[in-house]
Amino acid sequence: MKCIKAPAAETELTDAAAFYDAQRPGLGNRFISEFERVAAILVDNPALGTRVGANLRTICLNRFPFCLIYRLKDSEIRIIAIAHQKRRPDYWRTRVEEPKPDYVVLRAAA
C-alpha cells in the first residue's frame, strides 16, 4: 500500500509546518515528523481511522490539533486534507465527490 498526498493537503502540511516553525524553531519539523509517523501507521493499517463518508476516513495527529482526512482506493491511501480540528469543520468535503445513493427517497402522500 502506498500513501499519496493531494496537492491541497501538501499545501496544508507546509503551511502548518511554517506556522509552527515561526512559533518556535524546530516545531515545524516535529509537525512534519508526526504527520509522517501517522502516515506510516496508515500504510500498515489503512482501516485504522474513523469513517466520515463513503471510503473516507480520518485519523488525528498526536500533540497537534490536526487530523488527516484520507480515502482508501485499491492499494492506495490518498490524503485529501490535513485539517485543523477547531477551524472550518468539513471544509474539505468540497474536495471529494461523494457517490450518489442508488435509491430514491419517496415522500409520503398528504
PDB file of N, CA and C in Angstrom:
ATOM      1  N   MET A   1       0.845  -1.165   0.000  1.00  0.00           N
ATOM      2  CA  MET A   1       0.000   0.000   0.000  1.00  0.00           C
ATOM      3  C   MET A   1       0.899   1.238   0.000  1.00  0.00           C
ATOM      4  N   LYS A   2       0.504   2.240  -0.791  1.00  0.00           N
ATOM      5  CA  LYS A   2       1.273   3.477  -0.811  1.00  0.00           C
ATOM      6  C   LYS A   2       0.394   4.645  -0.379  1.00  0.00           C
ATOM      7  N   CYS A   3       1.052   5.688   0.085  1.00  0.00           N
ATOM      8  CA  CYS A   3       0.355   6.866   0.611  1.00  0.00           C
ATOM      9  C   CYS A   3       0.693   8.067  -0.271  1.00  0.00           C
ATOM     10  N   ILE A   4      -0.362   8.751  -0.750  1.00  0.00           N
ATOM     11  CA  ILE A   4      -0.187   9.894  -1.647  1.00  0.00           C
ATOM     12  C   ILE A   4      -0.932  11.089  -1.060  1.00  0.00           C
ATOM     13  N   LYS A   5      -0.303  12.259  -1.103  1.00  0.00           N
ATOM     14  CA  LYS A   5      -0.957  13.484  -0.644  1.00  0.00           C
ATOM     15  C   LYS A   5      -1.517  14.238  -1.841  1.00  0.00           C
ATOM     16  N   ALA A   6      -2.750  14.695  -1.712  1.00  0.00           N
ATOM     17  CA  ALA A   6      -3.327  15.578  -2.724  1.00  0.00           C
ATOM     18  C   ALA A   6      -2.577  16.912  -2.658  1.00  0.00           C
ATOM     19  N   PRO A   7      -2.514  17.652  -3.771  1.00  0.00           N
ATOM     20  CA  PRO A   7      -1.800  18.941  -3.755  1.00  0.00           C
ATOM     21  C   PRO A   7      -2.285  19.890  -2.656  1.00  0.00           C
ATOM     22  N   ALA A   8      -3.585  19.941  -2.416  1.00  0.00           N
ATOM     23  CA  ALA A   8      -4.107  20.823  -1.363  1.00  0.00           C
ATOM     24  C   ALA A   8      -3.632  20.374   0.013  1.00  0.00           C
ATOM     25  N   ALA A   9      -3.541  19.073   0.236  1.00  0.00           N
ATOM     26  CA  ALA A   9      -3.050  18.546   1.509  1.00  0.00           C
ATOM     27  C   ALA A   9      -1.567  18.861   1.682  1.00  0.00           C
ATOM     28  N   GLU A  10      -0.812  18.787   0.606  1.00  0.00           N
ATOM     29  CA  GLU A  10       0.614  19.144   0.654  1.00  0.00           C
ATOM     30  C   GLU A  10       0.774  20.604   1.068  1.00  0.00           C
ATOM     31  N   THR A  11      -0.058  21.472   0.514  1.00  0.00           N
ATOM     32  CA  THR A  11      -0.023  22.896   0.865  1.00  0.00           C
ATOM     33  C   THR A  11      -0.367  23.084   2.339  1.00  0.00           C
ATOM     34  N   GLU A  12      -1.382  22.377   2.813  1.00  0.00           N
ATOM     35  CA  GLU A  12      -1.763  22.484   4.228  1.00  0.00           C
ATOM     36  C   GLU A  12      -0.642  22.016   5.140  1.00  0.00           C
ATOM     37  N   LEU A  13       0.053  20.968   4.748  1.00  0.00           N
ATOM     38  CA  LEU A  13       1.168  20.457   5.546  1.00  0.00           C
ATOM     39  C   LEU A  13       2.285  21.490   5.646  1.00  0.00           C
ATOM     40  N   THR A  14       2.681  22.059   4.519  1.00  0.00           N
ATOM     41  CA  THR A  14       3.778  23.025   4.536  1.00  0.00           C
ATOM     42  C   THR A  14       3.374  24.332   5.235  1.00  0.00           C
ATOM     43  N   ASP A  15       2.124  24.758   5.057  1.00  0.00           N
ATOM     44  CA  ASP A  15       1.656  25.971   5.739  1.00  0.00           C
ATOM     45  C   ASP A  15       1.642  25.796   7.255  1.00  0.00           C
ATOM     46  N   ALA A  16       1.126  24.661   7.713  1.00  0.00           N
ATOM     47  CA  ALA A  16       1.078  24.405   9.155  1.00  0.00           C
ATOM     48  C   ALA A  16       2.489  24.280   9.732  1.00  0.00           C
ATOM     49  N   ALA A  17       3.374  23.609   9.006  1.00  0.00           N
ATOM     50  CA  ALA A  17       4.758  23.470   9.470  1.00  0.00           C
ATOM     51  C   ALA A  17       5.436  24.836   9.561  1.00  0.00           C
ATOM     52  N   ALA A  18       5.196  25.697   8.577  1.00  0.00           N
ATOM     53  CA  ALA A  18       5.781  27.042   8.606  1.00  0.00           C
ATOM     54  C   ALA A  18       5.223  27.843   9.784  1.00  0.00           C
ATOM     55  N   PHE A  19       3.922  27.716  10.054  1.00  0.00           N
ATOM     56  CA  PHE A  19       3.317  28.406  11.193  1.00  0.00           C
ATOM     57  C   PHE A  19       3.967  27.957  12.495  1.00  0.00           C
ATOM     58  N   TYR A  20       4.094  26.634  12.684  1.00  0.00           N
ATOM     59  CA  TYR A  20       4.684  26.119  13.915  1.00  0.00           C
ATOM     60  C   TYR A  20       6.151  26.502  14.038  1.00  0.00           C
ATOM     61  N   ASP A  21       6.859  26.513  12.931  1.00  0.00           N
ATOM     62  CA  ASP A  21       8.274  26.887  12.971  1.00  0.00           C
ATOM     63  C   ASP A  21       8.445  28.361  13.331  1.00  0.00           C
ATOM     64  N   ALA A  22       7.506  29.201  12.908  1.00  0.00           N
ATOM     65  CA  ALA A  22       7.552  30.622  13.276  1.00  0.00           C
ATOM     66  C   ALA A  22       7.289  30.810  14.769  1.00  0.00           C
ATOM     67  N   GLN A  23       6.481  29.918  15.343  1.00  0.00           N
ATOM     68  CA  GLN A  23       6.194  29.997  16.774  1.00  0.00           C
ATOM     69  C   GLN A  23       7.397  29.576  17.604  1.00  0.00           C
ATOM     70  N   ARG A  24       8.049  28.511  17.162  1.00  0.00           N
ATOM     71  CA  ARG A  24       9.238  28.004  17.848  1.00  0.00           C
ATOM     72  C   ARG A  24      10.075  27.217  16.847  1.00  0.00           C
ATOM     73  N   PRO A  25      11.299  27.650  16.604  1.00  0.00           N
ATOM     74  CA  PRO A  25      12.146  26.955  15.624  1.00  0.00           C
ATOM     75  C   PRO A  25      12.247  25.457  15.942  1.00  0.00           C
ATOM     76  N   GLY A  26      12.064  24.652  14.904  1.00  0.00           N
ATOM     77  CA  GLY A  26      12.127  23.207  15.045  1.00  0.00           C
ATOM     78  C   GLY A  26      10.770  22.549  15.239  1.00  0.00           C
ATOM     79  N   LEU A  27       9.773  23.331  15.658  1.00  0.00           N
ATOM     80  CA  LEU A  27       8.447  22.760  15.891  1.00  0.00           C
ATOM     81  C   LEU A  27       7.783  22.346  14.575  1.00  0.00           C
ATOM     82  N   GLY A  28       8.078  23.064  13.508  1.00  0.00           N
ATOM     83  CA  GLY A  28       7.554  22.691  12.192  1.00  0.00           C
ATOM     84  C   GLY A  28       8.056  21.319  11.762  1.00  0.00           C
ATOM     85  N   ASN A  29       9.329  21.033  12.047  1.00  0.00           N
ATOM     86  CA  ASN A  29       9.882  19.717  11.718  1.00  0.00           C
ATOM     87  C   ASN A  29       9.222  18.618  12.551  1.00  0.00           C
ATOM     88  N   ARG A  30       8.896  18.934  13.796  1.00  0.00           N
ATOM     89  CA  ARG A  30       8.190  17.961  14.637  1.00  0.00           C
ATOM     90  C   ARG A  30       6.799  17.678  14.083  1.00  0.00           C
ATOM     91  N   PHE A  31       6.139  18.723  13.577  1.00  0.00           N
ATOM     92  CA  PHE A  31       4.823  18.545  12.972  1.00  0.00           C
ATOM     93  C   PHE A  31       4.920  17.611  11.757  1.00  0.00           C
ATOM     94  N   ILE A  32       5.890  17.857  10.905  1.00  0.00           N
ATOM     95  CA  ILE A  32       6.079  17.010   9.718  1.00  0.00           C
ATOM     96  C   ILE A  32       6.427  15.580  10.130  1.00  0.00           C
ATOM     97  N   SER A  33       7.249  15.421  11.147  1.00  0.00           N
ATOM     98  CA  SER A  33       7.601  14.080  11.639  1.00  0.00           C
ATOM     99  C   SER A  33       6.373  13.343  12.160  1.00  0.00           C
ATOM    100  N   GLU A  34       5.501  14.058  12.865  1.00  0.00           N
ATOM    101  CA  GLU A  34       4.270  13.437  13.371  1.00  0.00           C
ATOM    102  C   GLU A  34       3.357  13.031  12.215  1.00  0.00           C
ATOM    103  N   PHE A  35       3.257  13.890  11.222  1.00  0.00           N
ATOM    104  CA  PHE A  35       2.482  13.548  10.027  1.00  0.00           C
ATOM    105  C   PHE A  35       3.039  12.264   9.394  1.00  0.00           C
ATOM    106  N   GLU A  36       4.341  12.206   9.208  1.00  0.00           N
ATOM    107  CA  GLU A  36       4.967  11.041   8.578  1.00  0.00           C
ATOM    108  C   GLU A  36       4.781   9.778   9.412  1.00  0.00           C
ATOM    109  N   ARG A  37       4.809   9.915  10.743  1.00  0.00           N
ATOM    110  CA  ARG A  37       4.604   8.776  11.632  1.00  0.00           C
ATOM    111  C   ARG A  37       3.194   8.204  11.447  1.00  0.00           C
ATOM    112  N   VAL A  38       2.196   9.086  11.445  1.00  0.00           N
ATOM    113  CA  VAL A  38       0.809   8.646  11.291  1.00  0.00           C
ATOM    114  C   VAL A  38       0.587   8.070   9.890  1.00  0.00           C
ATOM    115  N   ALA A  39       1.170   8.684   8.870  1.00  0.00           N
ATOM    116  CA  ALA A  39       1.041   8.165   7.502  1.00  0.00           C
ATOM    117  C   ALA A  39       1.640   6.761   7.400  1.00  0.00           C
ATOM    118  N   ALA A  40       2.770   6.528   8.070  1.00  0.00           N
ATOM    119  CA  ALA A  40       3.394   5.199   8.052  1.00  0.00           C
ATOM    120  C   ALA A  40       2.511   4.164   8.758  1.00  0.00           C
ATOM    121  N   ILE A  41       1.845   4.578   9.824  1.00  0.00           N
ATOM    122  CA  ILE A  41       0.918   3.675  10.515  1.00  0.00           C
ATOM    123  C   ILE A  41      -0.237   3.316   9.590  1.00  0.00           C
ATOM    124  N   LEU A  42      -0.723   4.298   8.834  1.00  0.00           N
ATOM    125  CA  LEU A  42      -1.828   4.040   7.907  1.00  0.00           C
ATOM    126  C   LEU A  42      -1.447   3.067   6.802  1.00  0.00           C
ATOM    127  N   VAL A  43      -0.218   3.127   6.358  1.00  0.00           N
ATOM    128  CA  VAL A  43       0.239   2.200   5.317  1.00  0.00           C
ATOM    129  C   VAL A  43       0.112   0.757   5.817  1.00  0.00           C
ATOM    130  N   ASP A  44       0.434   0.536   7.095  1.00  0.00           N
ATOM    131  CA  ASP A  44       0.327  -0.813   7.666  1.00  0.00           C
ATOM    132  C   ASP A  44      -1.096  -1.165   8.084  1.00  0.00           C
ATOM    133  N   ASN A  45      -1.890  -0.149   8.475  1.00  0.00           N
ATOM    134  CA  ASN A  45      -3.258  -0.367   8.973  1.00  0.00           C
ATOM    135  C   ASN A  45      -4.206   0.645   8.332  1.00  0.00           C
ATOM    136  N   PRO A  46      -4.524   0.509   7.064  1.00  0.00           N
ATOM    137  CA  PRO A  46      -5.289   1.544   6.366  1.00  0.00           C
ATOM    138  C   PRO A  46      -6.694   1.779   6.896  1.00  0.00           C
ATOM    139  N   ALA A  47      -7.308   0.791   7.525  1.00  0.00           N
ATOM    140  CA  ALA A  47      -8.679   0.951   8.024  1.00  0.00           C
ATOM    141  C   ALA A  47      -8.709   1.448   9.465  1.00  0.00           C
ATOM    142  N   LEU A  48      -7.597   1.933   9.971  1.00  0.00           N
ATOM    143  CA  LEU A  48      -7.495   2.350  11.367  1.00  0.00           C
ATOM    144  C   LEU A  48      -8.347   3.572  11.699  1.00  0.00           C
ATOM    145  N   GLY A  49      -8.462   4.492  10.779  1.00  0.00           N
ATOM    146  CA  GLY A  49      -9.192   5.735  11.043  1.00  0.00           C
ATOM    147  C   GLY A  49     -10.692   5.540  11.153  1.00  0.00           C
ATOM    148  N   THR A  50     -11.356   6.591  11.617  1.00  0.00           N
ATOM    149  CA  THR A  50     -12.802   6.600  11.775  1.00  0.00           C
ATOM    150  C   THR A  50     -13.464   6.979  10.458  1.00  0.00           C
ATOM    151  N   ARG A  51     -14.531   6.272  10.088  1.00  0.00           N
ATOM    152  CA  ARG A  51     -15.257   6.588   8.845  1.00  0.00           C
ATOM    153  C   ARG A  51     -15.955   7.935   8.957  1.00  0.00           C
ATOM    154  N   VAL A  52     -15.823   8.735   7.901  1.00  0.00           N
ATOM    155  CA  VAL A  52     -16.519  10.024   7.825  1.00  0.00           C
ATOM    156  C   VAL A  52     -17.277  10.156   6.507  1.00  0.00           C
ATOM    157  N   GLY A  53     -17.362   9.085   5.764  1.00  0.00           N
ATOM    158  CA  GLY A  53     -18.064   9.077   4.483  1.00  0.00           C
ATOM    159  C   GLY A  53     -17.729   7.803   3.738  1.00  0.00           C
ATOM    160  N   ALA A  54     -18.298   7.679   2.560  1.00  0.00           N
ATOM    161  CA  ALA A  54     -18.020   6.505   1.735  1.00  0.00           C
ATOM    162  C   ALA A  54     -16.542   6.503   1.342  1.00  0.00           C
ATOM    163  N   ASN A  55     -15.828   5.509   1.784  1.00  0.00           N
ATOM    164  CA  ASN A  55     -14.395   5.372   1.507  1.00  0.00           C
ATOM    165  C   ASN A  55     -13.548   6.506   2.086  1.00  0.00           C
ATOM    166  N   LEU A  56     -14.091   7.309   2.984  1.00  0.00           N
ATOM    167  CA  LEU A  56     -13.340   8.387   3.626  1.00  0.00           C
ATOM    168  C   LEU A  56     -13.156   8.075   5.101  1.00  0.00           C
ATOM    169  N   ARG A  57     -11.971   8.364   5.583  1.00  0.00           N
ATOM    170  CA  ARG A  57     -11.658   8.137   6.993  1.00  0.00           C
ATOM    171  C   ARG A  57     -10.848   9.312   7.525  1.00  0.00           C
ATOM    172  N   THR A  58     -10.794   9.404   8.842  1.00  0.00           N
ATOM    173  CA  THR A  58      -9.998  10.441   9.486  1.00  0.00           C
ATOM    174  C   THR A  58      -9.214   9.831  10.636  1.00  0.00           C
ATOM    175  N   ILE A  59      -8.030  10.360  10.857  1.00  0.00           N
ATOM    176  CA  ILE A  59      -7.198   9.955  11.988  1.00  0.00           C
ATOM    177  C   ILE A  59      -6.464  11.202  12.475  1.00  0.00           C
ATOM    178  N   CYS A  60      -6.380  11.353  13.782  1.00  0.00           N
ATOM    179  CA  CYS A  60      -5.791  12.564  14.361  1.00  0.00           C
ATOM    180  C   CYS A  60      -4.311  12.376  14.666  1.00  0.00           C
ATOM    181  N   LEU A  61      -3.596  13.485  14.592  1.00  0.00           N
ATOM    182  CA  LEU A  61      -2.192  13.500  14.965  1.00  0.00           C
ATOM    183  C   LEU A  61      -2.088  13.634  16.480  1.00  0.00           C
ATOM    184  N   ASN A  62      -0.994  13.174  17.042  1.00  0.00           N
ATOM    185  CA  ASN A  62      -0.712  13.397  18.461  1.00  0.00           C
ATOM    186  C   ASN A  62       0.008  14.737  18.618  1.00  0.00           C
ATOM    187  N   ARG A  63      -0.248  15.425  19.691  1.00  0.00           N
ATOM    188  CA  ARG A  63       0.421  16.683  20.062  1.00  0.00           C
ATOM    189  C   ARG A  63       0.101  17.872  19.174  1.00  0.00           C
ATOM    190  N   PHE A  64      -0.640  17.675  18.104  1.00  0.00           N
ATOM    191  CA  PHE A  64      -1.021  18.770  17.214  1.00  0.00           C
ATOM    192  C   PHE A  64      -2.516  18.646  16.919  1.00  0.00           C
ATOM    193  N   PRO A  65      -3.239  19.754  16.858  1.00  0.00           N
ATOM    194  CA  PRO A  65      -4.691  19.688  16.656  1.00  0.00           C
ATOM    195  C   PRO A  65      -5.093  19.529  15.185  1.00  0.00           C
ATOM    196  N   PHE A  66      -4.561  18.519  14.539  1.00  0.00           N
ATOM    197  CA  PHE A  66      -4.838  18.262  13.131  1.00  0.00           C
ATOM    198  C   PHE A  66      -5.248  16.815  12.933  1.00  0.00           C
ATOM    199  N   CYS A  67      -6.078  16.599  11.915  1.00  0.00           N
ATOM    200  CA  CYS A  67      -6.478  15.252  11.501  1.00  0.00           C
ATOM    201  C   CYS A  67      -6.144  15.068  10.031  1.00  0.00           C
ATOM    202  N   LEU A  68      -5.850  13.856   9.668  1.00  0.00           N
ATOM    203  CA  LEU A  68      -5.674  13.508   8.264  1.00  0.00           C
ATOM    204  C   LEU A  68      -7.004  12.971   7.765  1.00  0.00           C
ATOM    205  N   ILE A  69      -7.476  13.516   6.677  1.00  0.00           N
ATOM    206  CA  ILE A  69      -8.671  13.009   6.016  1.00  0.00           C
ATOM    207  C   ILE A  69      -8.160  12.240   4.808  1.00  0.00           C
ATOM    208  N   TYR A  70      -8.506  10.965   4.721  1.00  0.00           N
ATOM    209  CA  TYR A  70      -7.955  10.153   3.639  1.00  0.00           C
ATOM    210  C   TYR A  70      -9.000   9.231   3.041  1.00  0.00           C
ATOM    211  N   ARG A  71      -8.697   8.785   1.839  1.00  0.00           N
ATOM    212  CA  ARG A  71      -9.566   7.883   1.088  1.00  0.00           C
ATOM    213  C   ARG A  71      -8.789   6.611   0.775  1.00  0.00           C
ATOM    214  N   LEU A  72      -9.451   5.490   0.937  1.00  0.00           N
ATOM    215  CA  LEU A  72      -8.874   4.205   0.558  1.00  0.00           C
ATOM    216  C   LEU A  72      -9.386   3.847  -0.823  1.00  0.00           C
ATOM    217  N   LYS A  73      -8.474   3.556  -1.706  1.00  0.00           N
ATOM    218  CA  LYS A  73      -8.869   3.144  -3.049  1.00  0.00           C
ATOM    219  C   LYS A  73      -7.826   2.174  -3.578  1.00  0.00           C
ATOM    220  N   ASP A  74      -8.287   0.964  -3.875  1.00  0.00           N
ATOM    221  CA  ASP A  74      -7.403  -0.101  -4.352  1.00  0.00           C
ATOM    222  C   ASP A  74      -6.239  -0.273  -3.381  1.00  0.00           C
ATOM    223  N   SER A  75      -5.026  -0.089  -3.827  1.00  0.00           N
ATOM    224  CA  SER A  75      -3.864  -0.249  -2.950  1.00  0.00           C
ATOM    225  C   SER A  75      -3.230   1.111  -2.656  1.00  0.00           C
ATOM    226  N   GLU A  76      -4.086   2.107  -2.459  1.00  0.00           N
ATOM    227  CA  GLU A  76      -3.599   3.474  -2.280  1.00  0.00           C
ATOM    228  C   GLU A  76      -4.344   4.170  -1.144  1.00  0.00           C
ATOM    229  N   ILE A  77      -3.600   4.918  -0.357  1.00  0.00           N
ATOM    230  CA  ILE A  77      -4.175   5.822   0.635  1.00  0.00           C
ATOM    231  C   ILE A  77      -3.948   7.217   0.082  1.00  0.00           C
ATOM    232  N   ARG A  78      -5.023   7.932  -0.188  1.00  0.00           N
ATOM    233  CA  ARG A  78      -4.904   9.295  -0.723  1.00  0.00           C
ATOM    234  C   ARG A  78      -5.331  10.270   0.355  1.00  0.00           C
ATOM    235  N   ILE A  79      -4.376  11.073   0.824  1.00  0.00           N
ATOM    236  CA  ILE A  79      -4.667  12.065   1.855  1.00  0.00           C
ATOM    237  C   ILE A  79      -5.297  13.271   1.175  1.00  0.00           C
ATOM    238  N   ILE A  80      -6.550  13.530   1.529  1.00  0.00           N
ATOM    239  CA  ILE A  80      -7.343  14.602   0.929  1.00  0.00           C
ATOM    240  C   ILE A  80      -7.056  15.934   1.614  1.00  0.00           C
ATOM    241  N   ALA A  81      -6.922  15.903   2.947  1.00  0.00           N
ATOM    242  CA  ALA A  81      -6.731  17.137   3.706  1.00  0.00           C
ATOM    243  C   ALA A  81      -5.971  16.859   4.993  1.00  0.00           C
ATOM    244  N   ILE A  82      -5.277  17.877   5.445  1.00  0.00           N
ATOM    245  CA  ILE A  82      -4.675  17.885   6.773  1.00  0.00           C
ATOM    246  C   ILE A  82      -5.397  19.023   7.484  1.00  0.00           C
ATOM    247  N   ALA A  83      -6.462  18.652   8.170  1.00  0.00           N
ATOM    248  CA  ALA A  83      -7.435  19.617   8.668  1.00  0.00           C
ATOM    249  C   ALA A  83      -7.248  19.926  10.150  1.00  0.00           C
ATOM    250  N   HIS A  84      -7.281  21.215  10.481  1.00  0.00           N
ATOM    251  CA  HIS A  84      -7.256  21.647  11.876  1.00  0.00           C
ATOM    252  C   HIS A  84      -8.566  21.219  12.521  1.00  0.00           C
ATOM    253  N   GLN A  85      -8.501  20.730  13.742  1.00  0.00           N
ATOM    254  CA  GLN A  85      -9.679  20.181  14.405  1.00  0.00           C
ATOM    255  C   GLN A  85     -10.684  21.247  14.845  1.00  0.00           C
ATOM    256  N   LYS A  86     -10.258  22.486  14.982  1.00  0.00           N
ATOM    257  CA  LYS A  86     -11.156  23.519  15.506  1.00  0.00           C
ATOM    258  C   LYS A  86     -11.567  24.563  14.464  1.00  0.00           C
ATOM    259  N   ARG A  87     -10.919  24.588  13.327  1.00  0.00           N
ATOM    260  CA  ARG A  87     -11.204  25.616  12.317  1.00  0.00           C
ATOM    261  C   ARG A  87     -11.962  25.040  11.134  1.00  0.00           C
ATOM    262  N   ARG A  88     -12.932  25.766  10.654  1.00  0.00           N
ATOM    263  CA  ARG A  88     -13.677  25.434   9.443  1.00  0.00           C
ATOM    264  C   ARG A  88     -13.988  23.936   9.310  1.00  0.00           C
ATOM    265  N   PRO A  89     -14.822  23.407  10.175  1.00  0.00           N
ATOM    266  CA  PRO A  89     -15.116  21.977  10.078  1.00  0.00           C
ATOM    267  C   PRO A  89     -15.720  21.611   8.722  1.00  0.00           C
ATOM    268  N   ASP A  90     -15.311  20.497   8.233  1.00  0.00           N
ATOM    269  CA  ASP A  90     -15.826  19.926   6.980  1.00  0.00           C
ATOM    270  C   ASP A  90     -15.544  20.749   5.728  1.00  0.00           C
ATOM    271  N   TYR A  91     -14.646  21.710   5.769  1.00  0.00           N
ATOM    272  CA  TYR A  91     -14.323  22.486   4.563  1.00  0.00           C
ATOM    273  C   TYR A  91     -13.789  21.589   3.452  1.00  0.00           C
ATOM    274  N   TRP A  92     -13.143  20.515   3.826  1.00  0.00           N
ATOM    275  CA  TRP A  92     -12.505  19.615   2.864  1.00  0.00           C
ATOM    276  C   TRP A  92     -13.516  18.805   2.059  1.00  0.00           C
ATOM    277  N   ARG A  93     -14.770  18.763   2.493  1.00  0.00           N
ATOM    278  CA  ARG A  93     -15.774  17.965   1.775  1.00  0.00           C
ATOM    279  C   ARG A  93     -15.974  18.438   0.340  1.00  0.00           C
ATOM    280  N   THR A  94     -15.663  19.689   0.060  1.00  0.00           N
ATOM    281  CA  THR A  94     -15.780  20.173  -1.318  1.00  0.00           C
ATOM    282  C   THR A  94     -14.715  19.540  -2.221  1.00  0.00           C
ATOM    283  N   ARG A  95     -13.708  18.933  -1.641  1.00  0.00           N
ATOM    284  CA  ARG A  95     -12.632  18.301  -2.418  1.00  0.00           C
ATOM    285  C   ARG A  95     -12.972  16.889  -2.869  1.00  0.00           C
ATOM    286  N   VAL A  96     -13.992  16.314  -2.302  1.00  0.00           N
ATOM    287  CA  VAL A  96     -14.336  14.929  -2.637  1.00  0.00           C
ATOM    288  C   VAL A  96     -15.745  14.867  -3.194  1.00  0.00           C
ATOM    289  N   GLU A  97     -15.916  13.985  -4.103  1.00  0.00           N
ATOM    290  CA  GLU A  97     -17.245  13.746  -4.649  1.00  0.00           C
ATOM    291  C   GLU A  97     -17.776  12.486  -3.999  1.00  0.00           C
ATOM    292  N   GLU A  98     -18.796  12.661  -3.202  1.00  0.00           N
ATOM    293  CA  GLU A  98     -19.419  11.507  -2.566  1.00  0.00           C
ATOM    294  C   GLU A  98     -20.303  10.819  -3.601  1.00  0.00           C
ATOM    295  N   PRO A  99     -20.279   9.497  -3.643  1.00  0.00           N
ATOM    296  CA  PRO A  99     -21.159   8.811  -4.590  1.00  0.00           C
ATOM    297  C   PRO A  99     -22.622   9.049  -4.239  1.00  0.00           C
ATOM    298  N   LYS A 100     -23.402   9.227  -5.254  1.00  0.00           N
ATOM    299  CA  LYS A 100     -24.836   9.441  -5.045  1.00  0.00           C
ATOM    300  C   LYS A 100     -25.483   8.098  -4.731  1.00  0.00           C
ATOM    301  N   PRO A 101     -26.461   8.083  -3.827  1.00  0.00           N
ATOM    302  CA  PRO A 101     -27.103   6.813  -3.481  1.00  0.00           C
ATOM    303  C   PRO A 101     -27.856   6.242  -4.683  1.00  0.00           C
ATOM    304  N   ASP A 102     -27.939   4.924  -4.725  1.00  0.00           N
ATOM    305  CA  ASP A 102     -28.625   4.275  -5.828  1.00  0.00           C
ATOM    306  C   ASP A 102     -30.091   3.977  -5.481  1.00  0.00           C
ATOM    307  N   TYR A 103     -30.676   4.821  -4.665  1.00  0.00           N
ATOM    308  CA  TYR A 103     -32.078   4.689  -4.310  1.00  0.00           C
ATOM    309  C   TYR A 103     -32.729   6.068  -4.326  1.00  0.00           C
ATOM    310  N   VAL A 104     -34.024   6.081  -4.319  1.00  0.00           N
ATOM    311  CA  VAL A 104     -34.775   7.339  -4.356  1.00  0.00           C
ATOM    312  C   VAL A 104     -35.612   7.424  -3.085  1.00  0.00           C
ATOM    313  N   VAL A 105     -35.616   8.580  -2.451  1.00  0.00           N
ATOM    314  CA  VAL A 105     -36.424   8.780  -1.258  1.00  0.00           C
ATOM    315  C   VAL A 105     -37.793   9.260  -1.705  1.00  0.00           C
ATOM    316  N   LEU A 106     -38.811   8.530  -1.332  1.00  0.00           N
ATOM    317  CA  LEU A 106     -40.175   8.887  -1.693  1.00  0.00           C
ATOM    318  C   LEU A 106     -40.846   9.624  -0.544  1.00  0.00           C
ATOM    319  N   ARG A 107     -41.618  10.631  -0.878  1.00  0.00           N
ATOM    320  CA  ARG A 107     -42.350  11.353   0.149  1.00  0.00           C
ATOM    321  C   ARG A 107     -43.704  10.694   0.351  1.00  0.00           C
ATOM    322  N   ALA A 108     -44.176  10.729   1.570  1.00  0.00           N
ATOM    323  CA  ALA A 108     -45.484  10.158   1.872  1.00  0.00           C
ATOM    324  C   ALA A 108     -46.570  11.063   1.321  1.00  0.00           C
ATOM    325  N   ALA A 109     -47.627  10.477   0.854  1.00  0.00           N
ATOM    326  CA  ALA A 109     -48.752  11.263   0.323  1.00  0.00           C
ATOM    327  C   ALA A 109     -49.433  12.004   1.465  1.00  0.00           C
ATOM    328  N   ALA A 110     -49.887  13.217   1.192  1.00  0.00           N
ATOM    329  CA  ALA A 110     -50.534  14.019   2.237  1.00  0.00           C
ATOM    330  C   ALA A 110     -51.963  13.629   2.465  1.00  0.00           C
TER     331      ALA A 110
END
